[in-house]
Amino acid sequence: MTTVLVTGANGFIGRILVNYLLAKHLTVRVLVRKSGVFPHQVEQYIGDLTETASLLDATHGVETVFHLGGYAHALKAVRGQALLHQQVNCDGVKNILAACINNQIKKFVFFSTVKAVVDSHTQIDEQFNGQPNSAYGLAKRQAEDFVLAAGKMHGLHVAVLRLALVYGPGVKGNLYRVLRAIDKGYFLPMPPVQNQRSLVNVHDVCEAAWLAAESSQANGKIYYVTDKNDYATHEIYALMYAALNRKQPKRTIPLWLFKLFAWMGDLGERWIKRRFPFNSDAFQKLFGSSQYRSILIQQELGWIPRYSLAEVLPEMIQHYKDSGKQ
């Protein structure tokens, strides 16, 4: 039976990918920093992207590596975060690739991010080459370049997936925080700003990863992975209100006030050298645009995004309520 390795398997995407691969009757191995709760047939290897010995052990006898492991904080770097991004998101990729090459792994799928290029107010595709504007994005971009170069040099099948913001049951991060804030009644009413942001469902991500590993046409390619819609922030806000069966406020906070809060947050950070909960980064995430086209992966690999946020929100909310972390 074919053995595959998933790094970062304790994360939101990783856990669902593990179950997806098990359903394909594969031998699934995970590389995690701490032991996790996985189905009994999953082989757990404890290690770190900076530990050569653990990487060599985890990749031994594996055919395909799905590399999710990394440090995902995408806001402005403070107090050494830029160095951490470099060590984990770039150097860590180099380390695991070295282990893969040493153990003659056949395929390597790298989960990157749309942050590897600059945010765009219009839909862009793989032909766009804009430079990232964050330490996180820069480290991911450098890692992408290394993955593609290593694949070409060593005859390794490699594919890079640039994921939009991923949603689904068990999601963490910004979407979870917005959902919780709306449920608790302390999320500020959003003005109807006509921004557009690309998202993608976690199950669609798993399907894209599998196709990228199995299709020879994916070798040496970068693909954007997004669902079939783009979303304005106030639309996401309205969808969450409806799915939570909450009444949406009729009055909204004006955009200029959010800008003022962001300016005050930036100013406070410069004074006390600590991150504020709302700053210019948070403002950009709420009201900026980030649009990408996933046409190439659909045309070349036959991947079809099957889900939308509206369809999945009830399941996300049920998981949120069942988790007891409200």
C-alpha atoms as a PDB file:
ATOM      1  CA  MET A   1       0.000   0.000   0.000  1.00  0.00           C
ATOM      2  CA  THR A   2       1.282   3.465  -0.904  1.00  0.00           C
ATOM      3  CA  THR A   3       2.569   5.526   2.028  1.00  0.00           C
ATOM      4  CA  VAL A   4       2.073   9.288   2.121  1.00  0.00           C
ATOM      5  CA  LEU A   5       3.292  11.845   4.650  1.00  0.00           C
ATOM      6  CA  VAL A   6       1.361  14.889   5.855  1.00  0.00           C
ATOM      7  CA  THR A   7       3.307  17.551   7.736  1.00  0.00           C
ATOM      8  CA  GLY A   8       1.458  20.009   9.960  1.00  0.00           C
ATOM      9  CA  ALA A   9      -1.270  17.409  10.382  1.00  0.00           C
ATOM     10  CA  ASN A  10      -2.448  18.795  13.728  1.00  0.00           C
ATOM     11  CA  GLY A  11      -3.735  21.898  11.950  1.00  0.00           C
ATOM     12  CA  PHE A  12      -7.179  22.599  10.543  1.00  0.00           C
ATOM     13  CA  ILE A  13      -6.381  21.585   6.958  1.00  0.00           C
ATOM     14  CA  GLY A  14      -4.037  18.786   7.992  1.00  0.00           C
ATOM     15  CA  ARG A  15      -6.592  16.861  10.023  1.00  0.00           C
ATOM     16  CA  ILE A  16      -9.130  16.890   7.221  1.00  0.00           C
ATOM     17  CA  LEU A  17      -6.491  15.981   4.638  1.00  0.00           C
ATOM     18  CA  VAL A  18      -5.458  12.970   6.734  1.00  0.00           C
ATOM     19  CA  ASN A  19      -9.028  11.643   6.724  1.00  0.00           C
ATOM     20  CA  TYR A  20      -9.345  12.362   2.999  1.00  0.00           C
ATOM     21  CA  LEU A  21      -6.221  10.309   2.276  1.00  0.00           C
ATOM     22  CA  LEU A  22      -7.303   7.479   4.568  1.00  0.00           C
ATOM     23  CA  ALA A  23     -10.541   7.263   2.584  1.00  0.00           C
ATOM     24  CA  LYS A  24      -8.383   6.538  -0.473  1.00  0.00           C
ATOM     25  CA  HIS A  25      -6.968   3.481   1.342  1.00  0.00           C
ATOM     26  CA  LEU A  26      -3.478   4.876   1.643  1.00  0.00           C
ATOM     27  CA  THR A  27      -1.027   4.344   4.470  1.00  0.00           C
ATOM     28  CA  VAL A  28      -0.952   7.773   6.081  1.00  0.00           C
ATOM     29  CA  ARG A  29       1.950   9.035   8.144  1.00  0.00           C
ATOM     30  CA  VAL A  30       2.043  12.398   9.899  1.00  0.00           C
ATOM     31  CA  LEU A  31       4.900  14.583  11.076  1.00  0.00           C
ATOM     32  CA  VAL A  32       3.827  16.665  14.058  1.00  0.00           C
ATOM     33  CA  ARG A  33       5.591  18.568  16.798  1.00  0.00           C
ATOM     34  CA  LYS A  34       3.288  17.104  19.445  1.00  0.00           C
ATOM     35  CA  SER A  35       1.316  13.880  19.457  1.00  0.00           C
ATOM     36  CA  GLY A  36      -2.256  14.387  18.241  1.00  0.00           C
ATOM     37  CA  VAL A  37      -5.536  12.487  18.211  1.00  0.00           C
ATOM     38  CA  PHE A  38      -5.684  10.668  14.883  1.00  0.00           C
ATOM     39  CA  PRO A  39      -7.373   7.477  13.671  1.00  0.00           C
ATOM     40  CA  HIS A  40      -5.528   4.439  14.997  1.00  0.00           C
ATOM     41  CA  GLN A  41      -4.077   3.472  11.611  1.00  0.00           C
ATOM     42  CA  VAL A  42      -2.209   6.768  11.221  1.00  0.00           C
ATOM     43  CA  GLU A  43       1.542   6.547  11.824  1.00  0.00           C
ATOM     44  CA  GLN A  44       2.684   9.452  13.999  1.00  0.00           C
ATOM     45  CA  TYR A  45       6.224  10.783  13.828  1.00  0.00           C
ATOM     46  CA  ILE A  46       7.199  13.474  16.322  1.00  0.00           C
ATOM     47  CA  GLY A  47       9.635  15.996  14.946  1.00  0.00           C
ATOM     48  CA  ASP A  48      10.371  19.466  13.746  1.00  0.00           C
ATOM     49  CA  LEU A  49      11.235  21.085  10.438  1.00  0.00           C
ATOM     50  CA  THR A  50      14.569  22.120  11.930  1.00  0.00           C
ATOM     51  CA  GLU A  51      15.505  18.564  13.009  1.00  0.00           C
ATOM     52  CA  THR A  52      17.250  16.686  10.208  1.00  0.00           C
ATOM     53  CA  ALA A  53      17.085  13.278  11.893  1.00  0.00           C
ATOM     54  CA  SER A  54      13.322  13.426  12.448  1.00  0.00           C
ATOM     55  CA  LEU A  55      12.755  14.524   8.847  1.00  0.00           C
ATOM     56  CA  LEU A  56      14.830  11.643   7.512  1.00  0.00           C
ATOM     57  CA  ASP A  57      12.897   9.185   9.665  1.00  0.00           C
ATOM     58  CA  ALA A  58       9.492  10.577   8.716  1.00  0.00           C
ATOM     59  CA  THR A  59      10.174  10.569   4.970  1.00  0.00           C
ATOM     60  CA  HIS A  60      11.758   7.113   4.824  1.00  0.00           C
ATOM     61  CA  GLY A  61       9.662   4.761   2.692  1.00  0.00           C
ATOM     62  CA  VAL A  62       7.212   7.487   1.669  1.00  0.00           C
ATOM     63  CA  GLU A  63       6.081   8.077  -1.921  1.00  0.00           C
ATOM     64  CA  THR A  64       4.338  11.455  -1.591  1.00  0.00           C
ATOM     65  CA  VAL A  65       4.748  14.318   0.870  1.00  0.00           C
ATOM     66  CA  PHE A  66       1.973  16.853   1.446  1.00  0.00           C
ATOM     67  CA  HIS A  67       3.766  19.717   3.151  1.00  0.00           C
ATOM     68  CA  LEU A  68       1.448  21.826   5.305  1.00  0.00           C
ATOM     69  CA  GLY A  69       3.791  22.456   8.206  1.00  0.00           C
ATOM     70  CA  GLY A  70       4.673  26.074   8.831  1.00  0.00           C
ATOM     71  CA  TYR A  71       4.096  29.249  10.777  1.00  0.00           C
ATOM     72  CA  ALA A  72       0.925  30.903   9.514  1.00  0.00           C
ATOM     73  CA  HIS A  73       0.827  34.302  11.214  1.00  0.00           C
ATOM     74  CA  ALA A  74       0.442  36.644   8.243  1.00  0.00           C
ATOM     75  CA  LEU A  75       0.293  40.033   9.939  1.00  0.00           C
ATOM     76  CA  LYS A  76       3.139  42.520  10.157  1.00  0.00           C
ATOM     77  CA  ALA A  77       6.233  41.069  11.768  1.00  0.00           C
ATOM     78  CA  VAL A  78       7.020  42.113  15.331  1.00  0.00           C
ATOM     79  CA  ARG A  79       9.607  40.909  17.826  1.00  0.00           C
ATOM     80  CA  GLY A  80      11.411  38.375  15.693  1.00  0.00           C
ATOM     81  CA  GLN A  81       8.459  37.066  13.694  1.00  0.00           C
ATOM     82  CA  ALA A  82      10.221  37.834  10.411  1.00  0.00           C
ATOM     83  CA  LEU A  83      13.069  35.564  11.486  1.00  0.00           C
ATOM     84  CA  LEU A  84      10.599  32.869  12.547  1.00  0.00           C
ATOM     85  CA  HIS A  85       8.883  33.011   9.158  1.00  0.00           C
ATOM     86  CA  GLN A  86      12.253  32.586   7.467  1.00  0.00           C
ATOM     87  CA  GLN A  87      13.327  29.700   9.692  1.00  0.00           C
ATOM     88  CA  VAL A  88      10.065  27.732   9.473  1.00  0.00           C
ATOM     89  CA  ASN A  89       8.356  28.715   6.232  1.00  0.00           C
ATOM     90  CA  CYS A  90      11.465  28.896   4.072  1.00  0.00           C
ATOM     91  CA  ASP A  91      14.386  27.092   5.712  1.00  0.00           C
ATOM     92  CA  GLY A  92      12.024  24.395   7.017  1.00  0.00           C
ATOM     93  CA  VAL A  93      10.933  23.651   3.455  1.00  0.00           C
ATOM     94  CA  LYS A  94      14.567  23.350   2.391  1.00  0.00           C
ATOM     95  CA  ASN A  95      15.176  20.909   5.240  1.00  0.00           C
ATOM     96  CA  ILE A  96      12.286  18.598   4.443  1.00  0.00           C
ATOM     97  CA  LEU A  97      13.072  18.707   0.730  1.00  0.00           C
ATOM     98  CA  ALA A  98      16.634  17.640   1.502  1.00  0.00           C
ATOM     99  CA  ALA A  99      15.245  14.670   3.432  1.00  0.00           C
ATOM    100  CA  CYS A 100      12.868  13.854   0.571  1.00  0.00           C
ATOM    101  CA  ILE A 101      15.694  13.895  -1.961  1.00  0.00           C
ATOM    102  CA  ASN A 102      17.887  11.770   0.311  1.00  0.00           C
ATOM    103  CA  ASN A 103      15.085   9.191   0.640  1.00  0.00           C
ATOM    104  CA  GLN A 104      14.156   9.373  -3.059  1.00  0.00           C
ATOM    105  CA  ILE A 105      10.610  10.579  -2.506  1.00  0.00           C
ATOM    106  CA  LYS A 106       8.688  10.718  -5.781  1.00  0.00           C
ATOM    107  CA  LYS A 107       6.205  13.562  -5.208  1.00  0.00           C
ATOM    108  CA  PHE A 108       6.053  16.737  -3.128  1.00  0.00           C
ATOM    109  CA  VAL A 109       2.985  18.984  -2.854  1.00  0.00           C
ATOM    110  CA  PHE A 110       3.672  22.323  -1.204  1.00  0.00           C
ATOM    111  CA  PHE A 111       0.787  24.212   0.375  1.00  0.00           C
ATOM    112  CA  SER A 112       1.548  27.882  -0.134  1.00  0.00           C
ATOM    113  CA  THR A 113      -0.686  30.931   0.064  1.00  0.00           C
ATOM    114  CA  VAL A 114      -2.047  33.758  -2.054  1.00  0.00           C
ATOM    115  CA  LYS A 115       0.045  35.939   0.278  1.00  0.00           C
ATOM    116  CA  ALA A 116       3.050  34.816  -1.777  1.00  0.00           C
ATOM    117  CA  VAL A 117       2.017  37.634  -4.123  1.00  0.00           C
ATOM    118  CA  VAL A 118       0.659  41.065  -3.298  1.00  0.00           C
ATOM    119  CA  ASP A 119      -3.080  41.507  -2.632  1.00  0.00           C
ATOM    120  CA  SER A 120      -4.970  42.554  -5.742  1.00  0.00           C
ATOM    121  CA  HIS A 121      -8.122  44.597  -6.317  1.00  0.00           C
ATOM    122  CA  THR A 122      -8.770  42.693  -9.547  1.00  0.00           C
ATOM    123  CA  GLN A 123      -8.710  38.962 -10.208  1.00  0.00           C
ATOM    124  CA  ILE A 124      -5.215  37.734 -10.985  1.00  0.00           C
ATOM    125  CA  ASP A 125      -3.857  34.390 -12.100  1.00  0.00           C
ATOM    126  CA  GLU A 126      -0.548  32.560 -12.219  1.00  0.00           C
ATOM    127  CA  GLN A 127       0.854  34.972 -14.824  1.00  0.00           C
ATOM    128  CA  PHE A 128       0.881  37.800 -12.281  1.00  0.00           C
ATOM    129  CA  ASN A 129       4.244  38.140 -10.567  1.00  0.00           C
ATOM    130  CA  GLY A 130       3.682  40.847  -7.945  1.00  0.00           C
ATOM    131  CA  GLN A 131       5.974  40.701  -4.939  1.00  0.00           C
ATOM    132  CA  PRO A 132       4.599  39.884  -1.465  1.00  0.00           C
ATOM    133  CA  ASN A 133       4.281  42.655   1.105  1.00  0.00           C
ATOM    134  CA  SER A 134       4.663  40.684   4.358  1.00  0.00           C
ATOM    135  CA  ALA A 135       7.373  38.594   6.000  1.00  0.00           C
ATOM    136  CA  TYR A 136       5.040  35.602   5.830  1.00  0.00           C
ATOM    137  CA  GLY A 137       4.396  36.054   2.116  1.00  0.00           C
ATOM    138  CA  LEU A 138       8.063  36.641   1.349  1.00  0.00           C
ATOM    139  CA  ALA A 139       9.131  33.453   3.138  1.00  0.00           C
ATOM    140  CA  LYS A 140       6.454  31.467   1.305  1.00  0.00           C
ATOM    141  CA  ARG A 141       7.494  32.944  -2.044  1.00  0.00           C
ATOM    142  CA  GLN A 142      11.120  32.039  -1.425  1.00  0.00           C
ATOM    143  CA  ALA A 143      10.046  28.531  -0.432  1.00  0.00           C
ATOM    144  CA  GLU A 144       8.006  28.202  -3.636  1.00  0.00           C
ATOM    145  CA  ASP A 145      11.037  29.133  -5.720  1.00  0.00           C
ATOM    146  CA  PHE A 146      13.176  26.593  -3.888  1.00  0.00           C
ATOM    147  CA  VAL A 147      10.583  23.818  -4.301  1.00  0.00           C
ATOM    148  CA  LEU A 148      10.319  24.378  -8.047  1.00  0.00           C
ATOM    149  CA  ALA A 149      14.103  24.565  -8.471  1.00  0.00           C
ATOM    150  CA  ALA A 150      14.659  21.403  -6.413  1.00  0.00           C
ATOM    151  CA  GLY A 151      12.063  19.530  -8.424  1.00  0.00           C
ATOM    152  CA  LYS A 152      13.752  20.441 -11.684  1.00  0.00           C
ATOM    153  CA  MET A 153      17.248  19.691 -10.396  1.00  0.00           C
ATOM    154  CA  HIS A 154      16.471  16.309  -8.814  1.00  0.00           C
ATOM    155  CA  GLY A 155      13.686  14.982 -11.039  1.00  0.00           C
ATOM    156  CA  LEU A 156      11.136  15.232  -8.236  1.00  0.00           C
ATOM    157  CA  HIS A 157       7.444  15.742  -9.037  1.00  0.00           C
ATOM    158  CA  VAL A 158       6.586  19.015  -7.286  1.00  0.00           C
ATOM    159  CA  ALA A 159       3.475  21.173  -7.281  1.00  0.00           C
ATOM    160  CA  VAL A 160       2.659  24.391  -5.437  1.00  0.00           C
ATOM    161  CA  LEU A 161      -0.849  25.297  -4.298  1.00  0.00           C
ATOM    162  CA  ARG A 162      -1.504  28.945  -3.479  1.00  0.00           C
ATOM    163  CA  LEU A 163      -4.506  28.747  -1.206  1.00  0.00           C
ATOM    164  CA  ALA A 164      -6.995  31.527  -0.637  1.00  0.00           C
ATOM    165  CA  LEU A 165      -8.364  31.879   2.900  1.00  0.00           C
ATOM    166  CA  VAL A 166      -9.629  28.392   3.764  1.00  0.00           C
ATOM    167  CA  TYR A 167     -12.988  27.795   5.454  1.00  0.00           C
ATOM    168  CA  GLY A 168     -14.814  24.766   6.778  1.00  0.00           C
ATOM    169  CA  PRO A 169     -15.846  23.053  10.031  1.00  0.00           C
ATOM    170  CA  GLY A 170     -13.148  23.547  12.645  1.00  0.00           C
ATOM    171  CA  VAL A 171     -11.634  26.603  11.005  1.00  0.00           C
ATOM    172  CA  LYS A 172      -9.525  28.820  13.229  1.00  0.00           C
ATOM    173  CA  GLY A 173      -8.126  32.303  12.760  1.00  0.00           C
ATOM    174  CA  ASN A 174     -10.022  35.293  11.432  1.00  0.00           C
ATOM    175  CA  LEU A 175     -13.186  33.557  10.233  1.00  0.00           C
ATOM    176  CA  TYR A 176     -13.616  31.830  13.578  1.00  0.00           C
ATOM    177  CA  ARG A 177     -13.075  35.085  15.467  1.00  0.00           C
ATOM    178  CA  VAL A 178     -15.646  36.926  13.343  1.00  0.00           C
ATOM    179  CA  LEU A 179     -18.157  34.096  13.753  1.00  0.00           C
ATOM    180  CA  ARG A 180     -17.675  34.048  17.508  1.00  0.00           C
ATOM    181  CA  ALA A 181     -17.883  37.839  17.803  1.00  0.00           C
ATOM    182  CA  ILE A 182     -21.160  37.923  15.866  1.00  0.00           C
ATOM    183  CA  ASP A 183     -22.557  35.102  17.983  1.00  0.00           C
ATOM    184  CA  LYS A 184     -21.599  36.928  21.183  1.00  0.00           C
ATOM    185  CA  GLY A 185     -22.946  40.251  19.926  1.00  0.00           C
ATOM    186  CA  TYR A 186     -19.786  42.332  20.045  1.00  0.00           C
ATOM    187  CA  PHE A 187     -18.772  42.463  16.374  1.00  0.00           C
ATOM    188  CA  LEU A 188     -19.091  46.020  15.083  1.00  0.00           C
ATOM    189  CA  PRO A 189     -21.706  46.471  12.307  1.00  0.00           C
ATOM    190  CA  MET A 190     -19.886  46.526   8.985  1.00  0.00           C
ATOM    191  CA  PRO A 191     -20.298  49.278   6.375  1.00  0.00           C
ATOM    192  CA  PRO A 192     -21.217  47.993   2.881  1.00  0.00           C
ATOM    193  CA  VAL A 193     -17.752  48.335   1.365  1.00  0.00           C
ATOM    194  CA  GLN A 194     -17.575  46.686  -2.060  1.00  0.00           C
ATOM    195  CA  ASN A 195     -14.310  44.833  -1.587  1.00  0.00           C
ATOM    196  CA  GLN A 196     -13.856  41.316  -2.969  1.00  0.00           C
ATOM    197  CA  ARG A 197     -11.956  38.453  -1.357  1.00  0.00           C
ATOM    198  CA  SER A 198     -11.336  34.928  -2.591  1.00  0.00           C
ATOM    199  CA  LEU A 199     -11.964  31.982  -0.257  1.00  0.00           C
ATOM    200  CA  VAL A 200     -11.869  28.195  -0.617  1.00  0.00           C
ATOM    201  CA  ASN A 201     -13.408  25.244   1.204  1.00  0.00           C
ATOM    202  CA  VAL A 202     -11.101  22.819   2.980  1.00  0.00           C
ATOM    203  CA  HIS A 203     -12.566  19.760   1.218  1.00  0.00           C
ATOM    204  CA  ASP A 204     -11.921  21.386  -2.145  1.00  0.00           C
ATOM    205  CA  VAL A 205      -8.336  21.999  -1.000  1.00  0.00           C
ATOM    206  CA  CYS A 206      -7.886  18.284  -0.271  1.00  0.00           C
ATOM    207  CA  GLU A 207      -9.153  17.375  -3.726  1.00  0.00           C
ATOM    208  CA  ALA A 208      -6.807  19.912  -5.320  1.00  0.00           C
ATOM    209  CA  ALA A 209      -3.845  18.494  -3.392  1.00  0.00           C
ATOM    210  CA  TRP A 210      -4.617  14.962  -4.490  1.00  0.00           C
ATOM    211  CA  LEU A 211      -4.924  15.947  -8.141  1.00  0.00           C
ATOM    212  CA  ALA A 212      -1.683  17.925  -7.912  1.00  0.00           C
ATOM    213  CA  ALA A 213       0.078  14.820  -6.617  1.00  0.00           C
ATOM    214  CA  GLU A 214      -1.436  12.391  -9.107  1.00  0.00           C
ATOM    215  CA  SER A 215      -1.401  14.364 -12.352  1.00  0.00           C
ATOM    216  CA  SER A 216       1.864  14.500 -14.293  1.00  0.00           C
ATOM    217  CA  GLN A 217       0.671  17.798 -15.767  1.00  0.00           C
ATOM    218  CA  ALA A 218       0.945  19.405 -12.311  1.00  0.00           C
ATOM    219  CA  ASN A 219       4.684  18.795 -12.132  1.00  0.00           C
ATOM    220  CA  GLY A 220       6.576  22.067 -11.753  1.00  0.00           C
ATOM    221  CA  LYS A 221       3.392  24.130 -11.637  1.00  0.00           C
ATOM    222  CA  ILE A 222       1.899  26.764  -9.335  1.00  0.00           C
ATOM    223  CA  TYR A 223      -1.881  26.810  -8.974  1.00  0.00           C
ATOM    224  CA  TYR A 224      -4.247  29.226  -7.270  1.00  0.00           C
ATOM    225  CA  VAL A 225      -6.965  27.411  -5.352  1.00  0.00           C
ATOM    226  CA  THR A 226     -10.195  29.355  -4.746  1.00  0.00           C
ATOM    227  CA  ASP A 227     -13.889  28.542  -4.702  1.00  0.00           C
ATOM    228  CA  LYS A 228     -16.475  29.636  -7.261  1.00  0.00           C
ATOM    229  CA  ASN A 229     -17.206  33.027  -5.675  1.00  0.00           C
ATOM    230  CA  ASP A 230     -15.570  36.207  -4.443  1.00  0.00           C
ATOM    231  CA  TYR A 231     -16.994  37.739  -1.273  1.00  0.00           C
ATOM    232  CA  ALA A 232     -17.383  41.265   0.057  1.00  0.00           C
ATOM    233  CA  THR A 233     -16.747  41.486   3.786  1.00  0.00           C
ATOM    234  CA  HIS A 234     -20.256  42.739   4.485  1.00  0.00           C
ATOM    235  CA  GLU A 235     -21.628  39.740   2.528  1.00  0.00           C
ATOM    236  CA  ILE A 236     -19.679  37.325   4.718  1.00  0.00           C
ATOM    237  CA  TYR A 237     -20.960  39.227   7.731  1.00  0.00           C
ATOM    238  CA  ALA A 238     -24.580  38.939   6.496  1.00  0.00           C
ATOM    239  CA  LEU A 239     -24.207  35.224   5.717  1.00  0.00           C
ATOM    240  CA  MET A 240     -22.930  34.557   9.222  1.00  0.00           C
ATOM    241  CA  TYR A 241     -25.777  36.499  10.806  1.00  0.00           C
ATOM    242  CA  ALA A 242     -28.306  34.506   8.795  1.00  0.00           C
ATOM    243  CA  ALA A 243     -26.665  31.151   9.534  1.00  0.00           C
ATOM    244  CA  LEU A 244     -26.534  31.971  13.268  1.00  0.00           C
ATOM    245  CA  ASN A 245     -30.193  33.037  13.115  1.00  0.00           C
ATOM    246  CA  ARG A 246     -29.242  36.449  14.473  1.00  0.00           C
ATOM    247  CA  LYS A 247     -30.856  39.734  13.499  1.00  0.00           C
ATOM    248  CA  GLN A 248     -28.398  41.907  11.614  1.00  0.00           C
ATOM    249  CA  PRO A 249     -28.113  45.511  12.892  1.00  0.00           C
ATOM    250  CA  LYS A 250     -29.612  48.081  10.556  1.00  0.00           C
ATOM    251  CA  ARG A 251     -27.103  50.774  11.450  1.00  0.00           C
ATOM    252  CA  THR A 252     -23.454  50.383  10.542  1.00  0.00           C
ATOM    253  CA  ILE A 253     -20.201  51.875  11.766  1.00  0.00           C
ATOM    254  CA  PRO A 254     -18.810  54.310   9.139  1.00  0.00           C
ATOM    255  CA  LEU A 255     -15.626  53.305   7.379  1.00  0.00           C
ATOM    256  CA  TRP A 256     -13.759  56.406   8.566  1.00  0.00           C
ATOM    257  CA  LEU A 257     -14.191  55.256  12.158  1.00  0.00           C
ATOM    258  CA  PHE A 258     -12.595  51.889  11.386  1.00  0.00           C
ATOM    259  CA  LYS A 259      -9.732  53.803   9.752  1.00  0.00           C
ATOM    260  CA  LEU A 260      -9.354  55.863  12.915  1.00  0.00           C
ATOM    261  CA  PHE A 261      -9.266  52.708  15.066  1.00  0.00           C
ATOM    262  CA  ALA A 262      -6.594  51.259  12.755  1.00  0.00           C
ATOM    263  CA  TRP A 263      -4.491  54.428  12.970  1.00  0.00           C
ATOM    264  CA  MET A 264      -4.747  54.414  16.757  1.00  0.00           C
ATOM    265  CA  GLY A 265      -3.730  50.748  16.831  1.00  0.00           C
ATOM    266  CA  ASP A 266      -0.655  51.420  14.700  1.00  0.00           C
ATOM    267  CA  LEU A 267       0.273  54.359  16.898  1.00  0.00           C
ATOM    268  CA  GLY A 268      -0.131  52.298  20.060  1.00  0.00           C
ATOM    269  CA  GLU A 269       2.053  49.534  18.646  1.00  0.00           C
ATOM    270  CA  ARG A 270       4.856  51.978  17.948  1.00  0.00           C
ATOM    271  CA  TRP A 271       4.671  53.278  21.508  1.00  0.00           C
ATOM    272  CA  ILE A 272       4.508  50.045  23.480  1.00  0.00           C
ATOM    273  CA  LYS A 273       6.048  47.617  20.945  1.00  0.00           C
ATOM    274  CA  ARG A 274       3.137  45.177  21.204  1.00  0.00           C
ATOM    275  CA  ARG A 275       0.450  44.149  18.768  1.00  0.00           C
ATOM    276  CA  PHE A 276      -2.954  45.767  19.095  1.00  0.00           C
ATOM    277  CA  PRO A 277      -6.110  43.787  18.232  1.00  0.00           C
ATOM    278  CA  PHE A 278      -7.059  46.295  15.541  1.00  0.00           C
ATOM    279  CA  ASN A 279      -4.494  48.019  13.345  1.00  0.00           C
ATOM    280  CA  SER A 280      -3.865  48.696   9.654  1.00  0.00           C
ATOM    281  CA  ASP A 281      -3.286  44.990   9.004  1.00  0.00           C
ATOM    282  CA  ALA A 282      -6.629  44.087  10.537  1.00  0.00           C
ATOM    283  CA  PHE A 283      -8.277  46.904   8.582  1.00  0.00           C
ATOM    284  CA  GLN A 284      -6.845  45.553   5.330  1.00  0.00           C
ATOM    285  CA  LYS A 285      -8.084  42.054   6.117  1.00  0.00           C
ATOM    286  CA  LEU A 286     -11.586  43.392   6.719  1.00  0.00           C
ATOM    287  CA  PHE A 287     -11.938  45.917   3.928  1.00  0.00           C
ATOM    288  CA  GLY A 288      -9.196  45.237   1.385  1.00  0.00           C
ATOM    289  CA  SER A 289      -9.576  43.128  -1.743  1.00  0.00           C
ATOM    290  CA  SER A 290      -7.719  39.914  -2.490  1.00  0.00           C
ATOM    291  CA  GLN A 291      -8.954  38.268  -5.699  1.00  0.00           C
ATOM    292  CA  TYR A 292      -7.484  35.294  -7.532  1.00  0.00           C
ATOM    293  CA  ARG A 293      -8.530  33.030 -10.403  1.00  0.00           C
ATOM    294  CA  SER A 294      -8.306  29.245 -10.145  1.00  0.00           C
ATOM    295  CA  ILE A 295      -8.918  28.672 -13.852  1.00  0.00           C
ATOM    296  CA  LEU A 296      -5.558  26.977 -14.531  1.00  0.00           C
ATOM    297  CA  ILE A 297      -6.034  24.117 -12.066  1.00  0.00           C
ATOM    298  CA  GLN A 298      -9.543  23.597 -13.406  1.00  0.00           C
ATOM    299  CA  GLN A 299      -8.349  23.458 -17.002  1.00  0.00           C
ATOM    300  CA  GLU A 300      -5.237  21.341 -16.461  1.00  0.00           C
ATOM    301  CA  LEU A 301      -6.245  19.004 -13.639  1.00  0.00           C
ATOM    302  CA  GLY A 302     -10.030  18.957 -13.956  1.00  0.00           C
ATOM    303  CA  TRP A 303     -10.433  20.301 -10.433  1.00  0.00           C
ATOM    304  CA  ILE A 304     -13.876  21.734  -9.723  1.00  0.00           C
ATOM    305  CA  PRO A 305     -14.665  23.765  -6.569  1.00  0.00           C
ATOM    306  CA  ARG A 306     -17.803  22.154  -5.186  1.00  0.00           C
ATOM    307  CA  TYR A 307     -18.614  24.324  -2.191  1.00  0.00           C
ATOM    308  CA  SER A 308     -19.463  27.905  -1.293  1.00  0.00           C
ATOM    309  CA  LEU A 309     -19.332  29.650   2.059  1.00  0.00           C
ATOM    310  CA  ALA A 310     -23.128  29.895   2.258  1.00  0.00           C
ATOM    311  CA  GLU A 311     -23.460  26.128   1.785  1.00  0.00           C
ATOM    312  CA  VAL A 312     -20.861  25.252   4.403  1.00  0.00           C
ATOM    313  CA  LEU A 313     -21.668  27.826   7.106  1.00  0.00           C
ATOM    314  CA  PRO A 314     -24.359  25.698   8.831  1.00  0.00           C
ATOM    315  CA  GLU A 315     -21.828  22.890   9.257  1.00  0.00           C
ATOM    316  CA  MET A 316     -19.199  25.356  10.486  1.00  0.00           C
ATOM    317  CA  ILE A 317     -21.604  26.781  13.045  1.00  0.00           C
ATOM    318  CA  GLN A 318     -22.622  23.339  14.253  1.00  0.00           C
ATOM    319  CA  HIS A 319     -18.968  22.439  14.768  1.00  0.00           C
ATOM    320  CA  TYR A 320     -18.396  25.757  16.547  1.00  0.00           C
ATOM    321  CA  LYS A 321     -21.281  25.044  18.936  1.00  0.00           C
ATOM    322  CA  ASP A 322     -20.333  21.407  19.476  1.00  0.00           C
ATOM    323  CA  SER A 323     -16.711  22.271  20.224  1.00  0.00           C
ATOM    324  CA  GLY A 324     -17.657  24.010  23.466  1.00  0.00           C
ATOM    325  CA  LYS A 325     -15.126  26.802  22.809  1.00  0.00           C
ATOM    326  CA  GLN A 326     -17.686  29.533  22.519  1.00  0.00           C
END
